[in-house]
Amino acid sequence: MRVVLDTNVVASALLWGGTPERLIEFAGEGGLECFTSEALVAEFAGILGRPKFAQKLRQKNLSAAQIVARYREIAETVEAAPIEEAALRDPDDAAVLACALTARADAIVSGDADLHALGN
């Protein structure tokens, strides 16, 4: 199965664990094909710089760069073509959709209500 993990899922997986972490582990074992784009990696790196993530990074004794590198090991980076943002409730979701379309993903895994509202 080909999937794109939204940034919120990646952060949860690599910092908090639980079900999202099992997805990352499954991808690392070859059970899922996980895709990302430079835009999504940049968004992920950007959120890791927020103060609310600093304590979690310290607890894990990892830097933001190490967490991003770990994600790059798991997810294949595609060169996503931009898509029209006008029809989206949240224009920030365009990067996720562009990545999914380029990667021909079977699913997007996200906790984002705006992405859920799009349906299939």
PDB file of N, CA and C in Angstrom:
ATOM      1  N   MET A   1       0.853  -1.180   0.000  1.00  0.00           N
ATOM      2  CA  MET A   1       0.000   0.000   0.000  1.00  0.00           C
ATOM      3  C   MET A   1       0.893   1.236   0.000  1.00  0.00           C
ATOM      4  N   ARG A   2       0.529   2.201  -0.794  1.00  0.00           N
ATOM      5  CA  ARG A   2       1.281   3.455  -0.920  1.00  0.00           C
ATOM      6  C   ARG A   2       0.561   4.527  -0.107  1.00  0.00           C
ATOM      7  N   VAL A   3       1.282   5.155   0.830  1.00  0.00           N
ATOM      8  CA  VAL A   3       0.652   6.145   1.707  1.00  0.00           C
ATOM      9  C   VAL A   3       1.484   7.417   1.811  1.00  0.00           C
ATOM     10  N   VAL A   4       0.787   8.496   2.096  1.00  0.00           N
ATOM     11  CA  VAL A   4       1.410   9.764   2.470  1.00  0.00           C
ATOM     12  C   VAL A   4       0.944  10.045   3.892  1.00  0.00           C
ATOM     13  N   LEU A   5       1.895  10.268   4.781  1.00  0.00           N
ATOM     14  CA  LEU A   5       1.580  10.611   6.159  1.00  0.00           C
ATOM     15  C   LEU A   5       1.606  12.115   6.302  1.00  0.00           C
ATOM     16  N   ASP A   6       0.518  12.672   6.807  1.00  0.00           N
ATOM     17  CA  ASP A   6       0.473  14.106   7.063  1.00  0.00           C
ATOM     18  C   ASP A   6       1.479  14.430   8.169  1.00  0.00           C
ATOM     19  N   THR A   7       1.910  15.658   8.205  1.00  0.00           N
ATOM     20  CA  THR A   7       2.924  16.096   9.161  1.00  0.00           C
ATOM     21  C   THR A   7       2.520  15.809  10.604  1.00  0.00           C
ATOM     22  N   ASN A   8       1.239  15.969  10.931  1.00  0.00           N
ATOM     23  CA  ASN A   8       0.801  15.709  12.308  1.00  0.00           C
ATOM     24  C   ASN A   8       0.999  14.250  12.691  1.00  0.00           C
ATOM     25  N   VAL A   9       0.833  13.338  11.757  1.00  0.00           N
ATOM     26  CA  VAL A   9       1.016  11.915  12.015  1.00  0.00           C
ATOM     27  C   VAL A   9       2.501  11.591  12.168  1.00  0.00           C
ATOM     28  N   VAL A  10       3.327  12.188  11.332  1.00  0.00           N
ATOM     29  CA  VAL A  10       4.774  11.953  11.412  1.00  0.00           C
ATOM     30  C   VAL A  10       5.307  12.442  12.754  1.00  0.00           C
ATOM     31  N   ALA A  11       4.893  13.642  13.156  1.00  0.00           N
ATOM     32  CA  ALA A  11       5.346  14.185  14.446  1.00  0.00           C
ATOM     33  C   ALA A  11       4.897  13.288  15.590  1.00  0.00           C
ATOM     34  N   SER A  12       3.655  12.870  15.559  1.00  0.00           N
ATOM     35  CA  SER A  12       3.147  11.990  16.606  1.00  0.00           C
ATOM     36  C   SER A  12       3.922  10.672  16.637  1.00  0.00           C
ATOM     37  N   ALA A  13       4.162  10.103  15.476  1.00  0.00           N
ATOM     38  CA  ALA A  13       4.870   8.821  15.388  1.00  0.00           C
ATOM     39  C   ALA A  13       6.285   8.900  15.931  1.00  0.00           C
ATOM     40  N   LEU A  14       7.014   9.907  15.494  1.00  0.00           N
ATOM     41  CA  LEU A  14       8.438   9.969  15.826  1.00  0.00           C
ATOM     42  C   LEU A  14       8.718  10.592  17.192  1.00  0.00           C
ATOM     43  N   LEU A  15       7.735  11.269  17.757  1.00  0.00           N
ATOM     44  CA  LEU A  15       7.960  11.897  19.068  1.00  0.00           C
ATOM     45  C   LEU A  15       7.152  11.248  20.192  1.00  0.00           C
ATOM     46  N   TRP A  16       5.947  10.767  19.894  1.00  0.00           N
ATOM     47  CA  TRP A  16       5.095  10.243  20.957  1.00  0.00           C
ATOM     48  C   TRP A  16       4.871   8.741  20.887  1.00  0.00           C
ATOM     49  N   GLY A  17       4.913   8.168  19.710  1.00  0.00           N
ATOM     50  CA  GLY A  17       4.730   6.725  19.595  1.00  0.00           C
ATOM     51  C   GLY A  17       3.295   6.333  19.316  1.00  0.00           C
ATOM     52  N   GLY A  18       2.870   5.225  19.885  1.00  0.00           N
ATOM     53  CA  GLY A  18       1.509   4.736  19.710  1.00  0.00           C
ATOM     54  C   GLY A  18       1.243   4.211  18.309  1.00  0.00           C
ATOM     55  N   THR A  19      -0.012   4.288  17.904  1.00  0.00           N
ATOM     56  CA  THR A  19      -0.415   3.775  16.596  1.00  0.00           C
ATOM     57  C   THR A  19       0.349   4.427  15.446  1.00  0.00           C
ATOM     58  N   PRO A  20       0.536   5.756  15.453  1.00  0.00           N
ATOM     59  CA  PRO A  20       1.330   6.349  14.365  1.00  0.00           C
ATOM     60  C   PRO A  20       2.748   5.770  14.273  1.00  0.00           C
ATOM     61  N   GLU A  21       3.335   5.483  15.422  1.00  0.00           N
ATOM     62  CA  GLU A  21       4.679   4.897  15.405  1.00  0.00           C
ATOM     63  C   GLU A  21       4.666   3.514  14.761  1.00  0.00           C
ATOM     64  N   ARG A  22       3.604   2.768  14.986  1.00  0.00           N
ATOM     65  CA  ARG A  22       3.507   1.446  14.367  1.00  0.00           C
ATOM     66  C   ARG A  22       3.438   1.557  12.841  1.00  0.00           C
ATOM     67  N   LEU A  23       2.802   2.613  12.340  1.00  0.00           N
ATOM     68  CA  LEU A  23       2.796   2.845  10.886  1.00  0.00           C
ATOM     69  C   LEU A  23       4.207   3.078  10.363  1.00  0.00           C
ATOM     70  N   ILE A  24       4.955   3.910  11.087  1.00  0.00           N
ATOM     71  CA  ILE A  24       6.336   4.205  10.686  1.00  0.00           C
ATOM     72  C   ILE A  24       7.176   2.925  10.733  1.00  0.00           C
ATOM     73  N   GLU A  25       7.004   2.129  11.788  1.00  0.00           N
ATOM     74  CA  GLU A  25       7.746   0.874  11.898  1.00  0.00           C
ATOM     75  C   GLU A  25       7.393  -0.069  10.754  1.00  0.00           C
ATOM     76  N   PHE A  26       6.110  -0.153  10.435  1.00  0.00           N
ATOM     77  CA  PHE A  26       5.645  -1.011   9.348  1.00  0.00           C
ATOM     78  C   PHE A  26       6.247  -0.558   8.025  1.00  0.00           C
ATOM     79  N   ALA A  27       6.308   0.747   7.819  1.00  0.00           N
ATOM     80  CA  ALA A  27       6.935   1.281   6.600  1.00  0.00           C
ATOM     81  C   ALA A  27       8.422   0.935   6.578  1.00  0.00           C
ATOM     82  N   GLY A  28       9.077   1.080   7.721  1.00  0.00           N
ATOM     83  CA  GLY A  28      10.500   0.753   7.803  1.00  0.00           C
ATOM     84  C   GLY A  28      10.787  -0.708   7.529  1.00  0.00           C
ATOM     85  N   GLU A  29       9.820  -1.572   7.818  1.00  0.00           N
ATOM     86  CA  GLU A  29       9.962  -3.015   7.575  1.00  0.00           C
ATOM     87  C   GLU A  29       9.557  -3.387   6.149  1.00  0.00           C
ATOM     88  N   GLY A  30       9.101  -2.409   5.369  1.00  0.00           N
ATOM     89  CA  GLY A  30       8.691  -2.669   3.995  1.00  0.00           C
ATOM     90  C   GLY A  30       7.224  -3.024   3.840  1.00  0.00           C
ATOM     91  N   GLY A  31       6.448  -2.935   4.908  1.00  0.00           N
ATOM     92  CA  GLY A  31       5.026  -3.272   4.843  1.00  0.00           C
ATOM     93  C   GLY A  31       4.180  -2.203   4.187  1.00  0.00           C
ATOM     94  N   LEU A  32       4.674  -0.982   4.156  1.00  0.00           N
ATOM     95  CA  LEU A  32       4.011   0.155   3.515  1.00  0.00           C
ATOM     96  C   LEU A  32       5.043   0.891   2.681  1.00  0.00           C
ATOM     97  N   GLU A  33       4.593   1.461   1.590  1.00  0.00           N
ATOM     98  CA  GLU A  33       5.438   2.391   0.857  1.00  0.00           C
ATOM     99  C   GLU A  33       5.005   3.783   1.293  1.00  0.00           C
ATOM    100  N   CYS A  34       5.899   4.483   1.951  1.00  0.00           N
ATOM    101  CA  CYS A  34       5.591   5.794   2.503  1.00  0.00           C
ATOM    102  C   CYS A  34       6.260   6.868   1.642  1.00  0.00           C
ATOM    103  N   PHE A  35       5.510   7.911   1.310  1.00  0.00           N
ATOM    104  CA  PHE A  35       6.015   8.968   0.441  1.00  0.00           C
ATOM    105  C   PHE A  35       5.905  10.328   1.120  1.00  0.00           C
ATOM    106  N   THR A  36       6.826  11.196   0.757  1.00  0.00           N
ATOM    107  CA  THR A  36       6.812  12.576   1.221  1.00  0.00           C
ATOM    108  C   THR A  36       7.320  13.453   0.090  1.00  0.00           C
ATOM    109  N   SER A  37       7.347  14.748   0.339  1.00  0.00           N
ATOM    110  CA  SER A  37       7.885  15.710  -0.630  1.00  0.00           C
ATOM    111  C   SER A  37       8.762  16.691   0.132  1.00  0.00           C
ATOM    112  N   GLU A  38       9.532  17.469  -0.592  1.00  0.00           N
ATOM    113  CA  GLU A  38      10.376  18.471   0.070  1.00  0.00           C
ATOM    114  C   GLU A  38       9.520  19.466   0.848  1.00  0.00           C
ATOM    115  N   ALA A  39       8.351  19.800   0.316  1.00  0.00           N
ATOM    116  CA  ALA A  39       7.469  20.734   1.025  1.00  0.00           C
ATOM    117  C   ALA A  39       7.013  20.146   2.353  1.00  0.00           C
ATOM    118  N   LEU A  40       6.676  18.856   2.371  1.00  0.00           N
ATOM    119  CA  LEU A  40       6.240  18.224   3.613  1.00  0.00           C
ATOM    120  C   LEU A  40       7.389  18.054   4.600  1.00  0.00           C
ATOM    121  N   VAL A  41       8.574  17.743   4.089  1.00  0.00           N
ATOM    122  CA  VAL A  41       9.742  17.634   4.969  1.00  0.00           C
ATOM    123  C   VAL A  41      10.056  18.991   5.579  1.00  0.00           C
ATOM    124  N   ALA A  42       9.972  20.048   4.776  1.00  0.00           N
ATOM    125  CA  ALA A  42      10.222  21.403   5.285  1.00  0.00           C
ATOM    126  C   ALA A  42       9.186  21.785   6.339  1.00  0.00           C
ATOM    127  N   GLU A  43       7.927  21.425   6.105  1.00  0.00           N
ATOM    128  CA  GLU A  43       6.889  21.705   7.100  1.00  0.00           C
ATOM    129  C   GLU A  43       7.185  20.954   8.399  1.00  0.00           C
ATOM    130  N   PHE A  44       7.575  19.699   8.290  1.00  0.00           N
ATOM    131  CA  PHE A  44       7.900  18.890   9.461  1.00  0.00           C
ATOM    132  C   PHE A  44       9.077  19.494  10.227  1.00  0.00           C
ATOM    133  N   ALA A  45      10.131  19.844   9.513  1.00  0.00           N
ATOM    134  CA  ALA A  45      11.294  20.469  10.159  1.00  0.00           C
ATOM    135  C   ALA A  45      10.889  21.772  10.842  1.00  0.00           C
ATOM    136  N   GLY A  46      10.001  22.518  10.212  1.00  0.00           N
ATOM    137  CA  GLY A  46       9.553  23.788  10.775  1.00  0.00           C
ATOM    138  C   GLY A  46       8.787  23.617  12.077  1.00  0.00           C
ATOM    139  N   ILE A  47       7.906  22.616  12.129  1.00  0.00           N
ATOM    140  CA  ILE A  47       7.151  22.437  13.373  1.00  0.00           C
ATOM    141  C   ILE A  47       8.039  21.924  14.497  1.00  0.00           C
ATOM    142  N   LEU A  48       9.074  21.160  14.144  1.00  0.00           N
ATOM    143  CA  LEU A  48       9.972  20.659  15.191  1.00  0.00           C
ATOM    144  C   LEU A  48      10.733  21.788  15.872  1.00  0.00           C
ATOM    145  N   GLY A  49      10.805  22.948  15.230  1.00  0.00           N
ATOM    146  CA  GLY A  49      11.469  24.110  15.816  1.00  0.00           C
ATOM    147  C   GLY A  49      10.590  24.874  16.797  1.00  0.00           C
ATOM    148  N   ARG A  50       9.335  24.499  16.902  1.00  0.00           N
ATOM    149  CA  ARG A  50       8.423  25.189  17.816  1.00  0.00           C
ATOM    150  C   ARG A  50       8.753  24.832  19.266  1.00  0.00           C
ATOM    151  N   PRO A  51       8.567  25.807  20.160  1.00  0.00           N
ATOM    152  CA  PRO A  51       8.884  25.560  21.578  1.00  0.00           C
ATOM    153  C   PRO A  51       8.164  24.354  22.183  1.00  0.00           C
ATOM    154  N   LYS A  52       6.950  24.073  21.750  1.00  0.00           N
ATOM    155  CA  LYS A  52       6.207  22.963  22.351  1.00  0.00           C
ATOM    156  C   LYS A  52       6.835  21.602  22.058  1.00  0.00           C
ATOM    157  N   PHE A  53       7.707  21.527  21.051  1.00  0.00           N
ATOM    158  CA  PHE A  53       8.380  20.269  20.737  1.00  0.00           C
ATOM    159  C   PHE A  53       9.753  20.157  21.387  1.00  0.00           C
ATOM    160  N   ALA A  54      10.272  21.252  21.899  1.00  0.00           N
ATOM    161  CA  ALA A  54      11.627  21.262  22.463  1.00  0.00           C
ATOM    162  C   ALA A  54      11.791  20.256  23.597  1.00  0.00           C
ATOM    163  N   GLN A  55      10.830  20.208  24.520  1.00  0.00           N
ATOM    164  CA  GLN A  55      10.936  19.292  25.649  1.00  0.00           C
ATOM    165  C   GLN A  55      10.920  17.839  25.186  1.00  0.00           C
ATOM    166  N   LYS A  56      10.072  17.523  24.234  1.00  0.00           N
ATOM    167  CA  LYS A  56       9.991  16.147  23.744  1.00  0.00           C
ATOM    168  C   LYS A  56      11.291  15.739  23.060  1.00  0.00           C
ATOM    169  N   LEU A  57      11.893  16.649  22.303  1.00  0.00           N
ATOM    170  CA  LEU A  57      13.181  16.357  21.662  1.00  0.00           C
ATOM    171  C   LEU A  57      14.257  16.113  22.719  1.00  0.00           C
ATOM    172  N   ARG A  58      14.243  16.931  23.778  1.00  0.00           N
ATOM    173  CA  ARG A  58      15.223  16.738  24.863  1.00  0.00           C
ATOM    174  C   ARG A  58      15.016  15.380  25.535  1.00  0.00           C
ATOM    175  N   GLN A  59      13.772  15.009  25.773  1.00  0.00           N
ATOM    176  CA  GLN A  59      13.473  13.723  26.405  1.00  0.00           C
ATOM    177  C   GLN A  59      13.993  12.558  25.568  1.00  0.00           C
ATOM    178  N   LYS A  60      13.890  12.701  24.276  1.00  0.00           N
ATOM    179  CA  LYS A  60      14.352  11.646  23.376  1.00  0.00           C
ATOM    180  C   LYS A  60      15.848  11.745  23.094  1.00  0.00           C
ATOM    181  N   ASN A  61      16.463  12.832  23.582  1.00  0.00           N
ATOM    182  CA  ASN A  61      17.887  13.078  23.365  1.00  0.00           C
ATOM    183  C   ASN A  61      18.219  13.093  21.867  1.00  0.00           C
ATOM    184  N   LEU A  62      17.347  13.747  21.114  1.00  0.00           N
ATOM    185  CA  LEU A  62      17.519  13.860  19.668  1.00  0.00           C
ATOM    186  C   LEU A  62      17.332  15.306  19.239  1.00  0.00           C
ATOM    187  N   SER A  63      17.980  15.659  18.151  1.00  0.00           N
ATOM    188  CA  SER A  63      17.781  16.986  17.574  1.00  0.00           C
ATOM    189  C   SER A  63      16.683  16.909  16.514  1.00  0.00           C
ATOM    190  N   ALA A  64      16.185  18.052  16.151  1.00  0.00           N
ATOM    191  CA  ALA A  64      15.197  18.107  15.080  1.00  0.00           C
ATOM    192  C   ALA A  64      15.781  17.528  13.793  1.00  0.00           C
ATOM    193  N   ALA A  65      17.041  17.833  13.519  1.00  0.00           N
ATOM    194  CA  ALA A  65      17.695  17.325  12.307  1.00  0.00           C
ATOM    195  C   ALA A  65      17.756  15.795  12.312  1.00  0.00           C
ATOM    196  N   GLN A  66      17.977  15.193  13.463  1.00  0.00           N
ATOM    197  CA  GLN A  66      18.028  13.728  13.548  1.00  0.00           C
ATOM    198  C   GLN A  66      16.652  13.113  13.299  1.00  0.00           C
ATOM    199  N   ILE A  67      15.619  13.762  13.823  1.00  0.00           N
ATOM    200  CA  ILE A  67      14.259  13.271  13.616  1.00  0.00           C
ATOM    201  C   ILE A  67      13.884  13.371  12.136  1.00  0.00           C
ATOM    202  N   VAL A  68      14.229  14.490  11.516  1.00  0.00           N
ATOM    203  CA  VAL A  68      13.940  14.675  10.085  1.00  0.00           C
ATOM    204  C   VAL A  68      14.707  13.639   9.267  1.00  0.00           C
ATOM    205  N   ALA A  69      15.964  13.398   9.612  1.00  0.00           N
ATOM    206  CA  ALA A  69      16.771  12.399   8.896  1.00  0.00           C
ATOM    207  C   ALA A  69      16.143  11.010   9.017  1.00  0.00           C
ATOM    208  N   ARG A  70      15.626  10.693  10.191  1.00  0.00           N
ATOM    209  CA  ARG A  70      14.963   9.400  10.400  1.00  0.00           C
ATOM    210  C   ARG A  70      13.752   9.280   9.469  1.00  0.00           C
ATOM    211  N   TYR A  71      12.980  10.342   9.369  1.00  0.00           N
ATOM    212  CA  TYR A  71      11.826  10.303   8.484  1.00  0.00           C
ATOM    213  C   TYR A  71      12.247  10.147   7.026  1.00  0.00           C
ATOM    214  N   ARG A  72      13.308  10.831   6.637  1.00  0.00           N
ATOM    215  CA  ARG A  72      13.800  10.712   5.253  1.00  0.00           C
ATOM    216  C   ARG A  72      14.247   9.287   4.931  1.00  0.00           C
ATOM    217  N   GLU A  73      14.704   8.549   5.949  1.00  0.00           N
ATOM    218  CA  GLU A  73      15.111   7.154   5.740  1.00  0.00           C
ATOM    219  C   GLU A  73      13.901   6.267   5.439  1.00  0.00           C
ATOM    220  N   ILE A  74      12.770   6.622   6.006  1.00  0.00           N
ATOM    221  CA  ILE A  74      11.570   5.797   5.897  1.00  0.00           C
ATOM    222  C   ILE A  74      10.748   6.139   4.664  1.00  0.00           C
ATOM    223  N   ALA A  75      10.618   7.424   4.376  1.00  0.00           N
ATOM    224  CA  ALA A  75       9.733   7.872   3.301  1.00  0.00           C
ATOM    225  C   ALA A  75      10.525   8.214   2.042  1.00  0.00           C
ATOM    226  N   GLU A  76      10.006   7.791   0.924  1.00  0.00           N
ATOM    227  CA  GLU A  76      10.597   8.142  -0.369  1.00  0.00           C
ATOM    228  C   GLU A  76      10.117   9.545  -0.742  1.00  0.00           C
ATOM    229  N   THR A  77      11.042  10.396  -1.118  1.00  0.00           N
ATOM    230  CA  THR A  77      10.703  11.771  -1.483  1.00  0.00           C
ATOM    231  C   THR A  77      10.380  11.847  -2.967  1.00  0.00           C
ATOM    232  N   VAL A  78       9.223  12.410  -3.273  1.00  0.00           N
ATOM    233  CA  VAL A  78       8.810  12.618  -4.657  1.00  0.00           C
ATOM    234  C   VAL A  78       8.823  14.107  -4.953  1.00  0.00           C
ATOM    235  N   GLU A  79       8.966  14.431  -6.216  1.00  0.00           N
ATOM    236  CA  GLU A  79       8.920  15.830  -6.641  1.00  0.00           C
ATOM    237  C   GLU A  79       7.471  16.150  -7.014  1.00  0.00           C
ATOM    238  N   ALA A  80       6.751  16.665  -6.052  1.00  0.00           N
ATOM    239  CA  ALA A  80       5.318  16.896  -6.226  1.00  0.00           C
ATOM    240  C   ALA A  80       5.055  18.177  -7.007  1.00  0.00           C
ATOM    241  N   ALA A  81       4.226  18.051  -8.022  1.00  0.00           N
ATOM    242  CA  ALA A  81       3.809  19.222  -8.790  1.00  0.00           C
ATOM    243  C   ALA A  81       2.762  19.985  -7.987  1.00  0.00           C
ATOM    244  N   PRO A  82       2.809  21.308  -8.000  1.00  0.00           N
ATOM    245  CA  PRO A  82       1.815  22.079  -7.236  1.00  0.00           C
ATOM    246  C   PRO A  82       0.402  21.846  -7.758  1.00  0.00           C
ATOM    247  N   ILE A  83      -0.553  21.974  -6.860  1.00  0.00           N
ATOM    248  CA  ILE A  83      -1.958  21.849  -7.260  1.00  0.00           C
ATOM    249  C   ILE A  83      -2.698  23.125  -6.864  1.00  0.00           C
ATOM    250  N   GLU A  84      -3.862  23.306  -7.431  1.00  0.00           N
ATOM    251  CA  GLU A  84      -4.697  24.472  -7.155  1.00  0.00           C
ATOM    252  C   GLU A  84      -5.202  24.429  -5.716  1.00  0.00           C
ATOM    253  N   GLU A  85      -4.978  25.499  -4.986  1.00  0.00           N
ATOM    254  CA  GLU A  85      -5.367  25.565  -3.578  1.00  0.00           C
ATOM    255  C   GLU A  85      -6.751  26.159  -3.369  1.00  0.00           C
ATOM    256  N   ALA A  86      -7.312  26.796  -4.366  1.00  0.00           N
ATOM    257  CA  ALA A  86      -8.547  27.560  -4.206  1.00  0.00           C
ATOM    258  C   ALA A  86      -9.717  26.712  -3.703  1.00  0.00           C
ATOM    259  N   ALA A  87      -9.785  25.459  -4.090  1.00  0.00           N
ATOM    260  CA  ALA A  87     -10.926  24.622  -3.723  1.00  0.00           C
ATOM    261  C   ALA A  87     -10.781  23.990  -2.339  1.00  0.00           C
ATOM    262  N   LEU A  88      -9.670  24.201  -1.677  1.00  0.00           N
ATOM    263  CA  LEU A  88      -9.421  23.566  -0.385  1.00  0.00           C
ATOM    264  C   LEU A  88      -9.852  24.461   0.774  1.00  0.00           C
ATOM    265  N   ARG A  89     -10.397  23.842   1.814  1.00  0.00           N
ATOM    266  CA  ARG A  89     -10.750  24.604   3.018  1.00  0.00           C
ATOM    267  C   ARG A  89      -9.493  25.154   3.681  1.00  0.00           C
ATOM    268  N   ASP A  90      -8.405  24.391   3.636  1.00  0.00           N
ATOM    269  CA  ASP A  90      -7.125  24.816   4.203  1.00  0.00           C
ATOM    270  C   ASP A  90      -6.075  24.717   3.109  1.00  0.00           C
ATOM    271  N   PRO A  91      -5.621  25.840   2.568  1.00  0.00           N
ATOM    272  CA  PRO A  91      -4.631  25.809   1.490  1.00  0.00           C
ATOM    273  C   PRO A  91      -3.331  25.096   1.860  1.00  0.00           C
ATOM    274  N   ASP A  92      -3.027  24.998   3.151  1.00  0.00           N
ATOM    275  CA  ASP A  92      -1.823  24.272   3.566  1.00  0.00           C
ATOM    276  C   ASP A  92      -1.901  22.787   3.230  1.00  0.00           C
ATOM    277  N   ASP A  93      -3.102  22.277   3.008  1.00  0.00           N
ATOM    278  CA  ASP A  93      -3.271  20.866   2.668  1.00  0.00           C
ATOM    279  C   ASP A  93      -2.861  20.556   1.231  1.00  0.00           C
ATOM    280  N   ALA A  94      -2.630  21.571   0.437  1.00  0.00           N
ATOM    281  CA  ALA A  94      -2.258  21.360  -0.968  1.00  0.00           C
ATOM    282  C   ALA A  94      -0.981  20.537  -1.087  1.00  0.00           C
ATOM    283  N   ALA A  95      -0.026  20.752  -0.199  1.00  0.00           N
ATOM    284  CA  ALA A  95       1.236  20.003  -0.266  1.00  0.00           C
ATOM    285  C   ALA A  95       1.011  18.510  -0.027  1.00  0.00           C
ATOM    286  N   VAL A  96       0.123  18.186   0.884  1.00  0.00           N
ATOM    287  CA  VAL A  96      -0.182  16.776   1.167  1.00  0.00           C
ATOM    288  C   VAL A  96      -0.860  16.147  -0.052  1.00  0.00           C
ATOM    289  N   LEU A  97      -1.839  16.837  -0.597  1.00  0.00           N
ATOM    290  CA  LEU A  97      -2.558  16.311  -1.756  1.00  0.00           C
ATOM    291  C   LEU A  97      -1.645  16.199  -2.980  1.00  0.00           C
ATOM    292  N   ALA A  98      -0.801  17.189  -3.181  1.00  0.00           N
ATOM    293  CA  ALA A  98       0.132  17.143  -4.319  1.00  0.00           C
ATOM    294  C   ALA A  98       1.068  15.948  -4.198  1.00  0.00           C
ATOM    295  N   CYS A  99       1.557  15.706  -3.006  1.00  0.00           N
ATOM    296  CA  CYS A  99       2.439  14.562  -2.779  1.00  0.00           C
ATOM    297  C   CYS A  99       1.686  13.264  -3.055  1.00  0.00           C
ATOM    298  N   ALA A 100       0.478  13.151  -2.533  1.00  0.00           N
ATOM    299  CA  ALA A 100      -0.308  11.931  -2.721  1.00  0.00           C
ATOM    300  C   ALA A 100      -0.611  11.671  -4.198  1.00  0.00           C
ATOM    301  N   LEU A 101      -0.952  12.717  -4.922  1.00  0.00           N
ATOM    302  CA  LEU A 101      -1.231  12.558  -6.351  1.00  0.00           C
ATOM    303  C   LEU A 101       0.017  12.140  -7.119  1.00  0.00           C
ATOM    304  N   THR A 102       1.139  12.793  -6.829  1.00  0.00           N
ATOM    305  CA  THR A 102       2.390  12.467  -7.525  1.00  0.00           C
ATOM    306  C   THR A 102       2.830  11.040  -7.218  1.00  0.00           C
ATOM    307  N   ALA A 103       2.697  10.640  -5.951  1.00  0.00           N
ATOM    308  CA  ALA A 103       3.126   9.303  -5.532  1.00  0.00           C
ATOM    309  C   ALA A 103       2.116   8.218  -5.897  1.00  0.00           C
ATOM    310  N   ARG A 104       0.958   8.630  -6.423  1.00  0.00           N
ATOM    311  CA  ARG A 104      -0.128   7.690  -6.700  1.00  0.00           C
ATOM    312  C   ARG A 104      -0.448   6.881  -5.438  1.00  0.00           C
ATOM    313  N   ALA A 105      -0.588   7.625  -4.338  1.00  0.00           N
ATOM    314  CA  ALA A 105      -0.840   7.008  -3.040  1.00  0.00           C
ATOM    315  C   ALA A 105      -2.240   6.404  -2.987  1.00  0.00           C
ATOM    316  N   ASP A 106      -2.345   5.325  -2.252  1.00  0.00           N
ATOM    317  CA  ASP A 106      -3.637   4.699  -2.001  1.00  0.00           C
ATOM    318  C   ASP A 106      -4.382   5.415  -0.881  1.00  0.00           C
ATOM    319  N   ALA A 107      -3.618   6.054   0.008  1.00  0.00           N
ATOM    320  CA  ALA A 107      -4.242   6.700   1.157  1.00  0.00           C
ATOM    321  C   ALA A 107      -3.366   7.820   1.697  1.00  0.00           C
ATOM    322  N   ILE A 108      -4.032   8.769   2.338  1.00  0.00           N
ATOM    323  CA  ILE A 108      -3.375   9.807   3.123  1.00  0.00           C
ATOM    324  C   ILE A 108      -3.763   9.513   4.565  1.00  0.00           C
ATOM    325  N   VAL A 109      -2.766   9.449   5.440  1.00  0.00           N
ATOM    326  CA  VAL A 109      -3.034   9.219   6.855  1.00  0.00           C
ATOM    327  C   VAL A 109      -2.867  10.556   7.557  1.00  0.00           C
ATOM    328  N   SER A 110      -3.958  11.026   8.165  1.00  0.00           N
ATOM    329  CA  SER A 110      -3.940  12.356   8.764  1.00  0.00           C
ATOM    330  C   SER A 110      -4.960  12.452   9.884  1.00  0.00           C
ATOM    331  N   GLY A 111      -4.695  13.337  10.808  1.00  0.00           N
ATOM    332  CA  GLY A 111      -5.664  13.682  11.830  1.00  0.00           C
ATOM    333  C   GLY A 111      -6.321  15.011  11.524  1.00  0.00           C
ATOM    334  N   ASP A 112      -6.076  15.559  10.358  1.00  0.00           N
ATOM    335  CA  ASP A 112      -6.546  16.874   9.948  1.00  0.00           C
ATOM    336  C   ASP A 112      -7.997  16.815   9.472  1.00  0.00           C
ATOM    337  N   ALA A 113      -8.875  17.513  10.165  1.00  0.00           N
ATOM    338  CA  ALA A 113     -10.303  17.497   9.821  1.00  0.00           C
ATOM    339  C   ALA A 113     -10.555  18.017   8.418  1.00  0.00           C
ATOM    340  N   ASP A 114      -9.769  18.987   7.960  1.00  0.00           N
ATOM    341  CA  ASP A 114      -9.969  19.536   6.615  1.00  0.00           C
ATOM    342  C   ASP A 114      -9.654  18.488   5.548  1.00  0.00           C
ATOM    343  N   LEU A 115      -8.638  17.674   5.769  1.00  0.00           N
ATOM    344  CA  LEU A 115      -8.342  16.595   4.827  1.00  0.00           C
ATOM    345  C   LEU A 115      -9.409  15.518   4.896  1.00  0.00           C
ATOM    346  N   HIS A 116      -9.881  15.204   6.090  1.00  0.00           N
ATOM    347  CA  HIS A 116     -10.942  14.199   6.240  1.00  0.00           C
ATOM    348  C   HIS A 116     -12.199  14.640   5.505  1.00  0.00           C
ATOM    349  N   ALA A 117     -12.465  15.931   5.518  1.00  0.00           N
ATOM    350  CA  ALA A 117     -13.676  16.452   4.876  1.00  0.00           C
ATOM    351  C   ALA A 117     -13.673  16.240   3.359  1.00  0.00           C
ATOM    352  N   LEU A 118     -12.493  16.034   2.776  1.00  0.00           N
ATOM    353  CA  LEU A 118     -12.407  15.824   1.331  1.00  0.00           C
ATOM    354  C   LEU A 118     -12.948  14.458   0.933  1.00  0.00           C
ATOM    355  N   GLY A 119     -12.949  13.501   1.846  1.00  0.00           N
ATOM    356  CA  GLY A 119     -13.436  12.157   1.524  1.00  0.00           C
ATOM    357  C   GLY A 119     -12.435  11.401   0.679  1.00  0.00           C
ATOM    358  N   ASN A 120     -12.948  10.515  -0.159  1.00  0.00           N
ATOM    359  CA  ASN A 120     -12.073   9.701  -1.021  1.00  0.00           C
ATOM    360  C   ASN A 120     -11.706  10.431  -2.283  1.00  0.00           C
TER     361      ASN A 120
END
